[in-house]
Amino acid sequence: MNPLRIATRQSPLALWQARHVADLLTARHRGLRVELVQMVTEGDRILDRALNSAGGKGLFIKELEQGLADGRADLAVHSMKDVPAEPPTGFVLAAFCAAADPRDALVSPVADRIEALPPGARIGTASLRRGCQLLALRPDLELVMTRGNVHTRLAKLDRGDCDALLLAAAGLDRLGLAGRIAARLSIEQMLPAVTQGVLGLECRAGDEAVLALLAPLQEPDTALRVRAERAFAARLGGGCHTPLAAHAVLNGTRLHLTGLVGSPDGRRVLRQSLTGPAEAPEALGLALAEQLIAQGAAHILADHG
């Protein structure tokens, strides 16, 4: 049997994620051989500006999809928050692995919560979503554009380029860096990115052999969350140009979804929650998006889209 080839970025976190999926697959399928095909994406090359000024979502996955298209790889592993609302024709998101911690983390040597940060503290982030919610809480803080992989960002903090970082808790956990976390921010304080903490597995549409291998990795509860959050973001045209957040929680047969749209300066923030039947996650996402649109989200999107 030919090895199953996984397309992956070269960052330490991306490699961890690809190896994690490889381990899950070889545990499920006896005798399966897996190889990693490492690639550099446009998002990896652009380090001097925020993604919203460089093309937005998709910058971390286009080269991986090209690898699938030309036969160099059989599947790609993505952080789902990097994936645009609709995969290009010819590809399918075949499975969503069990989600990790969806929360954001404060990494700082000077404070163990946002409220304790010194006045005017410099906070490293390249995320409009994090910046919006942070400034809504603490308009005195200064945002410092910080790109690069997790270790690069931590190095910038350690040499004093900023006083604190906001990072995804899942990435720090996966890299064995949980000890750097000063605080895991509550969902109420900092609503996560759409599908934050979820790994998605993409392959060529109609590739039945690969689809069969990936099917056991699908985590049904995570898939419901992903479908609701992505439907919400798709209706609002969510990319990297406007602060947008969403998080769904399954409670029995009901799905509770919270969504947020805001302005980058944090002066306008709309946040709403809605609960609906778990068997209709897309309908719930669309309904919540319509509620925010009725409250003025369209104007915020138009001003900052």
C-alpha atoms as a PDB file:
ATOM      1  CA  MET A   1       0.000   0.000   0.000  1.00  0.00           C
ATOM      2  CA  ASN A   2       1.283   3.446  -0.886  1.00  0.00           C
ATOM      3  CA  PRO A   3       1.784   5.782   2.068  1.00  0.00           C
ATOM      4  CA  LEU A   4      -0.900   8.320   2.889  1.00  0.00           C
ATOM      5  CA  ARG A   5       0.649  11.756   2.328  1.00  0.00           C
ATOM      6  CA  ILE A   6      -0.357  14.661   4.575  1.00  0.00           C
ATOM      7  CA  ALA A   7       0.274  18.203   3.343  1.00  0.00           C
ATOM      8  CA  THR A   8       1.337  20.484   6.174  1.00  0.00           C
ATOM      9  CA  ARG A   9       2.901  23.844   6.840  1.00  0.00           C
ATOM     10  CA  GLN A  10       6.378  23.817   8.380  1.00  0.00           C
ATOM     11  CA  SER A  11       5.661  25.694  11.605  1.00  0.00           C
ATOM     12  CA  PRO A  12       6.114  23.695  14.823  1.00  0.00           C
ATOM     13  CA  LEU A  13       2.380  23.881  15.558  1.00  0.00           C
ATOM     14  CA  ALA A  14       1.361  22.779  12.055  1.00  0.00           C
ATOM     15  CA  LEU A  15       3.802  19.864  12.217  1.00  0.00           C
ATOM     16  CA  TRP A  16       2.434  18.863  15.632  1.00  0.00           C
ATOM     17  CA  GLN A  17      -1.081  18.893  14.215  1.00  0.00           C
ATOM     18  CA  ALA A  18      -0.115  16.816  11.182  1.00  0.00           C
ATOM     19  CA  ARG A  19       1.738  14.272  13.320  1.00  0.00           C
ATOM     20  CA  HIS A  20      -1.215  14.123  15.700  1.00  0.00           C
ATOM     21  CA  VAL A  21      -3.537  13.266  12.803  1.00  0.00           C
ATOM     22  CA  ALA A  22      -1.006  10.734  11.509  1.00  0.00           C
ATOM     23  CA  ASP A  23      -0.995   9.066  14.936  1.00  0.00           C
ATOM     24  CA  LEU A  24      -4.803   8.979  15.003  1.00  0.00           C
ATOM     25  CA  LEU A  25      -4.888   7.386  11.556  1.00  0.00           C
ATOM     26  CA  THR A  26      -2.258   4.735  12.226  1.00  0.00           C
ATOM     27  CA  ALA A  27      -4.015   3.857  15.493  1.00  0.00           C
ATOM     28  CA  ARG A  28      -7.266   3.321  13.580  1.00  0.00           C
ATOM     29  CA  HIS A  29      -5.852   1.578  10.507  1.00  0.00           C
ATOM     30  CA  ARG A  30      -3.376  -1.203  11.159  1.00  0.00           C
ATOM     31  CA  GLY A  31      -0.452  -1.245   8.739  1.00  0.00           C
ATOM     32  CA  LEU A  32      -1.151   2.229   7.350  1.00  0.00           C
ATOM     33  CA  ARG A  33       1.961   4.221   6.498  1.00  0.00           C
ATOM     34  CA  VAL A  34       1.816   8.006   6.661  1.00  0.00           C
ATOM     35  CA  GLU A  35       4.244  10.607   5.302  1.00  0.00           C
ATOM     36  CA  LEU A  36       4.302  14.365   5.873  1.00  0.00           C
ATOM     37  CA  VAL A  37       4.722  16.651   2.869  1.00  0.00           C
ATOM     38  CA  GLN A  38       5.981  19.978   4.199  1.00  0.00           C
ATOM     39  CA  MET A  39       5.081  23.178   2.345  1.00  0.00           C
ATOM     40  CA  VAL A  40       5.488  26.930   2.817  1.00  0.00           C
ATOM     41  CA  THR A  41       2.321  28.997   2.410  1.00  0.00           C
ATOM     42  CA  GLU A  42       1.814  32.657   1.551  1.00  0.00           C
ATOM     43  CA  GLY A  43       0.669  33.276   5.112  1.00  0.00           C
ATOM     44  CA  ASP A  44       4.013  31.991   6.378  1.00  0.00           C
ATOM     45  CA  ARG A  45       5.901  34.365   4.088  1.00  0.00           C
ATOM     46  CA  ILE A  46       3.999  37.501   5.113  1.00  0.00           C
ATOM     47  CA  LEU A  47       5.258  38.576   8.522  1.00  0.00           C
ATOM     48  CA  ASP A  48       5.362  42.347   8.242  1.00  0.00           C
ATOM     49  CA  ARG A  49       1.632  43.115   8.176  1.00  0.00           C
ATOM     50  CA  ALA A  50      -1.720  41.825   9.345  1.00  0.00           C
ATOM     51  CA  LEU A  51      -3.488  39.171   7.278  1.00  0.00           C
ATOM     52  CA  ASN A  52      -6.494  41.418   6.648  1.00  0.00           C
ATOM     53  CA  SER A  53      -4.226  43.686   4.570  1.00  0.00           C
ATOM     54  CA  ALA A  54      -2.645  40.768   2.712  1.00  0.00           C
ATOM     55  CA  GLY A  55      -5.650  38.862   1.420  1.00  0.00           C
ATOM     56  CA  GLY A  56      -7.342  37.439   4.485  1.00  0.00           C
ATOM     57  CA  LYS A  57      -8.324  33.847   5.133  1.00  0.00           C
ATOM     58  CA  GLY A  58      -6.941  31.179   2.852  1.00  0.00           C
ATOM     59  CA  LEU A  59      -3.359  32.439   2.937  1.00  0.00           C
ATOM     60  CA  PHE A  60      -2.332  29.439   5.043  1.00  0.00           C
ATOM     61  CA  ILE A  61      -4.022  26.782   2.935  1.00  0.00           C
ATOM     62  CA  LYS A  62      -3.814  27.576  -0.804  1.00  0.00           C
ATOM     63  CA  GLU A  63      -0.458  25.872  -1.308  1.00  0.00           C
ATOM     64  CA  LEU A  64      -1.666  22.827   0.626  1.00  0.00           C
ATOM     65  CA  GLU A  65      -4.715  22.577  -1.629  1.00  0.00           C
ATOM     66  CA  GLN A  66      -2.463  22.889  -4.671  1.00  0.00           C
ATOM     67  CA  GLY A  67      -0.519  19.938  -3.317  1.00  0.00           C
ATOM     68  CA  LEU A  68      -3.750  17.961  -3.171  1.00  0.00           C
ATOM     69  CA  ALA A  69      -4.752  19.040  -6.664  1.00  0.00           C
ATOM     70  CA  ASP A  70      -1.475  18.042  -8.317  1.00  0.00           C
ATOM     71  CA  GLY A  71      -1.227  14.718  -6.462  1.00  0.00           C
ATOM     72  CA  ARG A  72       1.713  15.486  -4.170  1.00  0.00           C
ATOM     73  CA  ALA A  73      -0.491  14.890  -1.116  1.00  0.00           C
ATOM     74  CA  ASP A  74      -3.674  13.027  -0.230  1.00  0.00           C
ATOM     75  CA  LEU A  75      -5.001  15.170   2.605  1.00  0.00           C
ATOM     76  CA  ALA A  76      -4.250  18.417   4.381  1.00  0.00           C
ATOM     77  CA  VAL A  77      -4.581  19.264   8.072  1.00  0.00           C
ATOM     78  CA  HIS A  78      -5.877  22.749   8.839  1.00  0.00           C
ATOM     79  CA  SER A  79      -6.583  24.859  11.878  1.00  0.00           C
ATOM     80  CA  MET A  80     -10.217  25.423  10.995  1.00  0.00           C
ATOM     81  CA  LYS A  81     -10.112  29.094  11.943  1.00  0.00           C
ATOM     82  CA  ASP A  82      -7.793  29.586   8.919  1.00  0.00           C
ATOM     83  CA  VAL A  83     -10.247  27.991   6.463  1.00  0.00           C
ATOM     84  CA  PRO A  84     -12.562  30.180   4.329  1.00  0.00           C
ATOM     85  CA  ALA A  85     -16.304  29.609   4.535  1.00  0.00           C
ATOM     86  CA  GLU A  86     -16.440  27.422   1.413  1.00  0.00           C
ATOM     87  CA  PRO A  87     -13.697  25.067   0.182  1.00  0.00           C
ATOM     88  CA  PRO A  88     -12.816  25.452  -3.516  1.00  0.00           C
ATOM     89  CA  THR A  89     -14.502  23.193  -6.041  1.00  0.00           C
ATOM     90  CA  GLY A  90     -12.941  19.763  -6.049  1.00  0.00           C
ATOM     91  CA  PHE A  91     -12.143  19.611  -2.331  1.00  0.00           C
ATOM     92  CA  VAL A  92     -14.093  18.553   0.742  1.00  0.00           C
ATOM     93  CA  LEU A  93     -13.671  18.938   4.475  1.00  0.00           C
ATOM     94  CA  ALA A  94     -13.931  15.258   5.304  1.00  0.00           C
ATOM     95  CA  ALA A  95     -13.601  15.229   9.103  1.00  0.00           C
ATOM     96  CA  PHE A  96     -13.293  17.442  12.154  1.00  0.00           C
ATOM     97  CA  CYS A  97     -11.232  16.041  15.016  1.00  0.00           C
ATOM     98  CA  ALA A  98     -12.220  16.440  18.666  1.00  0.00           C
ATOM     99  CA  ALA A  99     -11.744  20.082  19.634  1.00  0.00           C
ATOM    100  CA  ALA A 100      -9.075  21.352  21.999  1.00  0.00           C
ATOM    101  CA  ASP A 101      -9.520  24.261  24.409  1.00  0.00           C
ATOM    102  CA  PRO A 102     -11.259  26.994  22.353  1.00  0.00           C
ATOM    103  CA  ARG A 103     -10.272  29.854  24.640  1.00  0.00           C
ATOM    104  CA  ASP A 104      -7.730  32.606  24.171  1.00  0.00           C
ATOM    105  CA  ALA A 105      -4.804  32.863  26.551  1.00  0.00           C
ATOM    106  CA  LEU A 106      -3.057  35.826  28.117  1.00  0.00           C
ATOM    107  CA  VAL A 107       0.712  35.357  28.143  1.00  0.00           C
ATOM    108  CA  SER A 108       2.453  37.973  30.245  1.00  0.00           C
ATOM    109  CA  PRO A 109       5.144  38.330  32.907  1.00  0.00           C
ATOM    110  CA  VAL A 110       3.421  41.401  34.370  1.00  0.00           C
ATOM    111  CA  ALA A 111      -0.216  40.377  34.891  1.00  0.00           C
ATOM    112  CA  ASP A 112      -2.366  37.301  35.407  1.00  0.00           C
ATOM    113  CA  ARG A 113      -5.568  38.855  34.060  1.00  0.00           C
ATOM    114  CA  ILE A 114      -6.506  41.600  31.618  1.00  0.00           C
ATOM    115  CA  GLU A 115      -7.750  43.865  34.410  1.00  0.00           C
ATOM    116  CA  ALA A 116      -4.305  43.745  36.060  1.00  0.00           C
ATOM    117  CA  LEU A 117      -2.340  44.894  33.013  1.00  0.00           C
ATOM    118  CA  PRO A 118      -0.589  48.235  33.662  1.00  0.00           C
ATOM    119  CA  PRO A 119      -2.160  51.355  32.114  1.00  0.00           C
ATOM    120  CA  GLY A 120      -1.017  51.729  28.520  1.00  0.00           C
ATOM    121  CA  ALA A 121       0.467  48.226  28.391  1.00  0.00           C
ATOM    122  CA  ARG A 122       1.526  47.004  24.936  1.00  0.00           C
ATOM    123  CA  ILE A 123      -0.354  43.871  23.837  1.00  0.00           C
ATOM    124  CA  GLY A 124       0.956  41.783  20.961  1.00  0.00           C
ATOM    125  CA  THR A 125      -1.650  40.432  18.549  1.00  0.00           C
ATOM    126  CA  ALA A 126      -2.389  40.432  14.838  1.00  0.00           C
ATOM    127  CA  SER A 127      -6.051  39.503  15.343  1.00  0.00           C
ATOM    128  CA  LEU A 128      -8.726  42.133  14.765  1.00  0.00           C
ATOM    129  CA  ARG A 129     -11.114  39.977  16.815  1.00  0.00           C
ATOM    130  CA  ARG A 130      -8.835  39.924  19.851  1.00  0.00           C
ATOM    131  CA  GLY A 131      -7.956  43.576  19.467  1.00  0.00           C
ATOM    132  CA  CYS A 132     -11.603  44.624  19.276  1.00  0.00           C
ATOM    133  CA  GLN A 133     -12.623  42.777  22.425  1.00  0.00           C
ATOM    134  CA  LEU A 134      -9.487  43.797  24.290  1.00  0.00           C
ATOM    135  CA  LEU A 135      -9.980  47.497  23.551  1.00  0.00           C
ATOM    136  CA  ALA A 136     -13.654  47.229  24.487  1.00  0.00           C
ATOM    137  CA  LEU A 137     -12.484  46.042  27.916  1.00  0.00           C
ATOM    138  CA  ARG A 138      -9.404  48.267  28.226  1.00  0.00           C
ATOM    139  CA  PRO A 139      -9.332  51.183  25.727  1.00  0.00           C
ATOM    140  CA  ASP A 140      -6.113  52.436  27.349  1.00  0.00           C
ATOM    141  CA  LEU A 141      -4.089  49.480  26.078  1.00  0.00           C
ATOM    142  CA  GLU A 142      -1.824  49.708  23.024  1.00  0.00           C
ATOM    143  CA  LEU A 143      -2.016  47.002  20.360  1.00  0.00           C
ATOM    144  CA  VAL A 144       1.294  45.901  18.826  1.00  0.00           C
ATOM    145  CA  MET A 145       1.003  43.998  15.527  1.00  0.00           C
ATOM    146  CA  THR A 146       2.666  40.632  16.196  1.00  0.00           C
ATOM    147  CA  ARG A 147       2.866  37.981  13.461  1.00  0.00           C
ATOM    148  CA  GLY A 148       4.792  34.733  13.155  1.00  0.00           C
ATOM    149  CA  ASN A 149       4.561  31.291  14.713  1.00  0.00           C
ATOM    150  CA  VAL A 150       4.031  30.764  18.434  1.00  0.00           C
ATOM    151  CA  HIS A 151       7.725  30.587  19.312  1.00  0.00           C
ATOM    152  CA  THR A 152       8.453  33.752  17.294  1.00  0.00           C
ATOM    153  CA  ARG A 153       5.748  35.651  19.167  1.00  0.00           C
ATOM    154  CA  LEU A 154       6.967  34.412  22.529  1.00  0.00           C
ATOM    155  CA  ALA A 155      10.491  35.537  21.647  1.00  0.00           C
ATOM    156  CA  LYS A 156       9.178  39.034  20.894  1.00  0.00           C
ATOM    157  CA  LEU A 157       7.519  39.115  24.315  1.00  0.00           C
ATOM    158  CA  ASP A 158      10.666  37.861  26.032  1.00  0.00           C
ATOM    159  CA  ARG A 159      12.848  40.553  24.491  1.00  0.00           C
ATOM    160  CA  GLY A 160      10.448  43.285  25.547  1.00  0.00           C
ATOM    161  CA  ASP A 161       8.715  44.176  22.273  1.00  0.00           C
ATOM    162  CA  CYS A 162       5.420  44.011  24.163  1.00  0.00           C
ATOM    163  CA  ASP A 163       4.132  43.489  27.704  1.00  0.00           C
ATOM    164  CA  ALA A 164       1.728  40.671  26.924  1.00  0.00           C
ATOM    165  CA  LEU A 165       0.469  38.417  24.141  1.00  0.00           C
ATOM    166  CA  LEU A 166      -2.944  37.049  23.299  1.00  0.00           C
ATOM    167  CA  LEU A 167      -2.675  33.566  21.784  1.00  0.00           C
ATOM    168  CA  ALA A 168      -4.907  30.546  21.293  1.00  0.00           C
ATOM    169  CA  ALA A 169      -4.715  28.304  24.342  1.00  0.00           C
ATOM    170  CA  ALA A 170      -4.951  25.238  22.098  1.00  0.00           C
ATOM    171  CA  GLY A 171      -1.728  26.071  20.295  1.00  0.00           C
ATOM    172  CA  LEU A 172       0.192  26.578  23.521  1.00  0.00           C
ATOM    173  CA  ASP A 173      -1.198  23.335  24.942  1.00  0.00           C
ATOM    174  CA  ARG A 174      -0.298  21.361  21.820  1.00  0.00           C
ATOM    175  CA  LEU A 175       3.267  22.666  21.855  1.00  0.00           C
ATOM    176  CA  GLY A 176       3.775  21.866  25.529  1.00  0.00           C
ATOM    177  CA  LEU A 177       3.821  25.565  26.424  1.00  0.00           C
ATOM    178  CA  ALA A 178       0.855  25.681  28.783  1.00  0.00           C
ATOM    179  CA  GLY A 179       3.234  26.868  31.488  1.00  0.00           C
ATOM    180  CA  ARG A 180       3.562  30.194  29.662  1.00  0.00           C
ATOM    181  CA  ILE A 181      -0.157  30.931  30.111  1.00  0.00           C
ATOM    182  CA  ALA A 182      -0.897  33.593  32.716  1.00  0.00           C
ATOM    183  CA  ALA A 183      -4.662  33.249  32.285  1.00  0.00           C
ATOM    184  CA  ARG A 184      -7.135  31.378  30.124  1.00  0.00           C
ATOM    185  CA  LEU A 185      -9.697  34.013  29.208  1.00  0.00           C
ATOM    186  CA  SER A 186     -13.327  33.068  29.689  1.00  0.00           C
ATOM    187  CA  ILE A 187     -15.666  32.769  26.716  1.00  0.00           C
ATOM    188  CA  GLU A 188     -17.656  35.627  28.252  1.00  0.00           C
ATOM    189  CA  GLN A 189     -14.617  37.914  28.341  1.00  0.00           C
ATOM    190  CA  MET A 190     -13.046  37.000  24.991  1.00  0.00           C
ATOM    191  CA  LEU A 191     -15.276  35.204  22.480  1.00  0.00           C
ATOM    192  CA  PRO A 192     -13.104  32.843  20.399  1.00  0.00           C
ATOM    193  CA  ALA A 193     -12.532  32.842  16.678  1.00  0.00           C
ATOM    194  CA  VAL A 194     -14.936  30.785  14.612  1.00  0.00           C
ATOM    195  CA  THR A 195     -13.976  27.079  15.093  1.00  0.00           C
ATOM    196  CA  GLN A 196     -10.953  27.927  17.265  1.00  0.00           C
ATOM    197  CA  GLY A 197      -9.211  24.793  18.547  1.00  0.00           C
ATOM    198  CA  VAL A 198     -10.632  22.515  15.834  1.00  0.00           C
ATOM    199  CA  LEU A 199      -8.544  20.576  13.308  1.00  0.00           C
ATOM    200  CA  GLY A 200     -10.138  19.977   9.924  1.00  0.00           C
ATOM    201  CA  LEU A 201      -9.076  17.339   7.421  1.00  0.00           C
ATOM    202  CA  GLU A 202      -9.395  18.256   3.746  1.00  0.00           C
ATOM    203  CA  CYS A 203      -9.045  15.932   0.765  1.00  0.00           C
ATOM    204  CA  ARG A 204     -10.039  15.715  -2.878  1.00  0.00           C
ATOM    205  CA  ALA A 205     -13.771  15.341  -3.436  1.00  0.00           C
ATOM    206  CA  GLY A 206     -14.589  11.829  -4.601  1.00  0.00           C
ATOM    207  CA  ASP A 207     -11.381  10.267  -3.281  1.00  0.00           C
ATOM    208  CA  GLU A 208     -13.254   7.380  -1.702  1.00  0.00           C
ATOM    209  CA  ALA A 209     -10.172   5.608  -0.350  1.00  0.00           C
ATOM    210  CA  VAL A 210      -9.023   8.654   1.608  1.00  0.00           C
ATOM    211  CA  LEU A 211     -12.565   9.538   2.688  1.00  0.00           C
ATOM    212  CA  ALA A 212     -12.934   6.036   4.148  1.00  0.00           C
ATOM    213  CA  LEU A 213      -9.674   6.396   6.082  1.00  0.00           C
ATOM    214  CA  LEU A 214     -10.722   9.763   7.514  1.00  0.00           C
ATOM    215  CA  ALA A 215     -14.303   8.842   8.447  1.00  0.00           C
ATOM    216  CA  PRO A 216     -13.433   7.340  11.869  1.00  0.00           C
ATOM    217  CA  LEU A 217     -11.743  10.604  12.894  1.00  0.00           C
ATOM    218  CA  GLN A 218     -14.964  12.596  12.603  1.00  0.00           C
ATOM    219  CA  GLU A 219     -16.108  13.824  16.029  1.00  0.00           C
ATOM    220  CA  PRO A 220     -19.887  14.377  15.757  1.00  0.00           C
ATOM    221  CA  ASP A 221     -20.259  16.975  18.523  1.00  0.00           C
ATOM    222  CA  THR A 222     -17.377  19.024  17.135  1.00  0.00           C
ATOM    223  CA  ALA A 223     -18.893  18.818  13.651  1.00  0.00           C
ATOM    224  CA  LEU A 224     -22.151  20.344  14.931  1.00  0.00           C
ATOM    225  CA  ARG A 225     -20.242  23.217  16.477  1.00  0.00           C
ATOM    226  CA  VAL A 226     -18.253  23.789  13.292  1.00  0.00           C
ATOM    227  CA  ARG A 227     -21.361  23.798  11.109  1.00  0.00           C
ATOM    228  CA  ALA A 228     -23.161  26.359  13.280  1.00  0.00           C
ATOM    229  CA  GLU A 229     -20.193  28.703  13.656  1.00  0.00           C
ATOM    230  CA  ARG A 230     -19.231  28.577   9.979  1.00  0.00           C
ATOM    231  CA  ALA A 231     -22.808  29.211   8.862  1.00  0.00           C
ATOM    232  CA  PHE A 232     -22.869  32.284  11.115  1.00  0.00           C
ATOM    233  CA  ALA A 233     -19.587  33.563   9.683  1.00  0.00           C
ATOM    234  CA  ALA A 234     -20.558  32.805   6.085  1.00  0.00           C
ATOM    235  CA  ARG A 235     -23.779  34.813   6.363  1.00  0.00           C
ATOM    236  CA  LEU A 236     -21.833  37.789   7.669  1.00  0.00           C
ATOM    237  CA  GLY A 237     -19.106  37.423   5.084  1.00  0.00           C
ATOM    238  CA  GLY A 238     -16.610  36.755   7.834  1.00  0.00           C
ATOM    239  CA  GLY A 239     -12.956  36.858   6.884  1.00  0.00           C
ATOM    240  CA  CYS A 240     -10.013  38.710   8.346  1.00  0.00           C
ATOM    241  CA  HIS A 241     -11.271  42.201   7.570  1.00  0.00           C
ATOM    242  CA  THR A 242     -13.786  42.662  10.406  1.00  0.00           C
ATOM    243  CA  PRO A 243     -13.692  41.534  14.048  1.00  0.00           C
ATOM    244  CA  LEU A 244     -15.947  38.478  14.097  1.00  0.00           C
ATOM    245  CA  ALA A 245     -16.280  35.744  16.707  1.00  0.00           C
ATOM    246  CA  ALA A 246     -18.549  32.787  17.398  1.00  0.00           C
ATOM    247  CA  HIS A 247     -18.685  29.828  19.734  1.00  0.00           C
ATOM    248  CA  ALA A 248     -21.216  27.021  19.990  1.00  0.00           C
ATOM    249  CA  VAL A 249     -21.766  24.667  22.931  1.00  0.00           C
ATOM    250  CA  LEU A 250     -23.765  21.437  22.718  1.00  0.00           C
ATOM    251  CA  ASN A 251     -26.091  20.771  25.634  1.00  0.00           C
ATOM    252  CA  GLY A 252     -27.917  17.516  25.094  1.00  0.00           C
ATOM    253  CA  THR A 253     -30.085  17.963  22.010  1.00  0.00           C
ATOM    254  CA  ARG A 254     -29.720  21.755  22.027  1.00  0.00           C
ATOM    255  CA  LEU A 255     -26.959  23.903  20.596  1.00  0.00           C
ATOM    256  CA  HIS A 256     -26.162  27.264  22.190  1.00  0.00           C
ATOM    257  CA  LEU A 257     -24.406  29.714  19.853  1.00  0.00           C
ATOM    258  CA  THR A 258     -22.910  33.082  20.743  1.00  0.00           C
ATOM    259  CA  GLY A 259     -21.741  35.467  18.045  1.00  0.00           C
ATOM    260  CA  LEU A 260     -20.018  38.848  17.923  1.00  0.00           C
ATOM    261  CA  VAL A 261     -19.321  41.550  15.366  1.00  0.00           C
ATOM    262  CA  GLY A 262     -17.373  44.680  16.238  1.00  0.00           C
ATOM    263  CA  SER A 263     -15.256  47.548  15.032  1.00  0.00           C
ATOM    264  CA  PRO A 264     -11.458  47.200  15.252  1.00  0.00           C
ATOM    265  CA  ASP A 265     -11.236  49.989  17.837  1.00  0.00           C
ATOM    266  CA  GLY A 266     -13.675  48.206  20.160  1.00  0.00           C
ATOM    267  CA  ARG A 267     -16.060  51.148  20.272  1.00  0.00           C
ATOM    268  CA  ARG A 268     -18.885  49.238  18.599  1.00  0.00           C
ATOM    269  CA  VAL A 269     -19.470  45.651  19.675  1.00  0.00           C
ATOM    270  CA  LEU A 270     -22.613  43.622  18.992  1.00  0.00           C
ATOM    271  CA  ARG A 271     -22.937  40.319  20.827  1.00  0.00           C
ATOM    272  CA  GLN A 272     -25.913  37.975  20.892  1.00  0.00           C
ATOM    273  CA  SER A 273     -26.711  34.360  21.788  1.00  0.00           C
ATOM    274  CA  LEU A 274     -29.306  31.944  20.476  1.00  0.00           C
ATOM    275  CA  THR A 275     -30.230  28.343  21.237  1.00  0.00           C
ATOM    276  CA  GLY A 276     -31.751  25.865  18.809  1.00  0.00           C
ATOM    277  CA  PRO A 277     -32.042  22.176  17.960  1.00  0.00           C
ATOM    278  CA  ALA A 278     -28.679  20.491  17.490  1.00  0.00           C
ATOM    279  CA  GLU A 279     -29.879  18.738  14.349  1.00  0.00           C
ATOM    280  CA  ALA A 280     -30.104  22.095  12.521  1.00  0.00           C
ATOM    281  CA  PRO A 281     -26.775  23.840  13.227  1.00  0.00           C
ATOM    282  CA  GLU A 282     -26.669  25.827   9.985  1.00  0.00           C
ATOM    283  CA  ALA A 283     -30.145  27.214  10.594  1.00  0.00           C
ATOM    284  CA  LEU A 284     -29.055  28.330  14.063  1.00  0.00           C
ATOM    285  CA  GLY A 285     -25.969  30.062  12.677  1.00  0.00           C
ATOM    286  CA  LEU A 286     -27.985  31.866  10.023  1.00  0.00           C
ATOM    287  CA  ALA A 287     -30.655  32.924  12.518  1.00  0.00           C
ATOM    288  CA  LEU A 288     -28.088  34.397  14.894  1.00  0.00           C
ATOM    289  CA  ALA A 289     -26.400  36.239  12.045  1.00  0.00           C
ATOM    290  CA  GLU A 290     -29.750  37.736  11.020  1.00  0.00           C
ATOM    291  CA  GLN A 291     -30.315  38.929  14.586  1.00  0.00           C
ATOM    292  CA  LEU A 292     -26.998  40.765  14.582  1.00  0.00           C
ATOM    293  CA  ILE A 293     -27.692  42.206  11.145  1.00  0.00           C
ATOM    294  CA  ALA A 294     -30.993  43.549  12.471  1.00  0.00           C
ATOM    295  CA  GLN A 295     -29.062  45.198  15.324  1.00  0.00           C
ATOM    296  CA  GLY A 296     -26.686  46.974  12.974  1.00  0.00           C
ATOM    297  CA  ALA A 297     -23.966  44.450  12.091  1.00  0.00           C
ATOM    298  CA  ALA A 298     -24.324  45.249   8.391  1.00  0.00           C
ATOM    299  CA  HIS A 299     -23.271  48.842   9.048  1.00  0.00           C
ATOM    300  CA  ILE A 300     -20.190  47.745  10.977  1.00  0.00           C
ATOM    301  CA  LEU A 301     -19.292  45.293   8.208  1.00  0.00           C
ATOM    302  CA  ALA A 302     -19.796  47.961   5.558  1.00  0.00           C
ATOM    303  CA  ASP A 303     -17.606  50.436   7.422  1.00  0.00           C
ATOM    304  CA  HIS A 304     -14.745  48.002   8.008  1.00  0.00           C
ATOM    305  CA  GLY A 305     -15.148  45.288   5.371  1.00  0.00           C
END
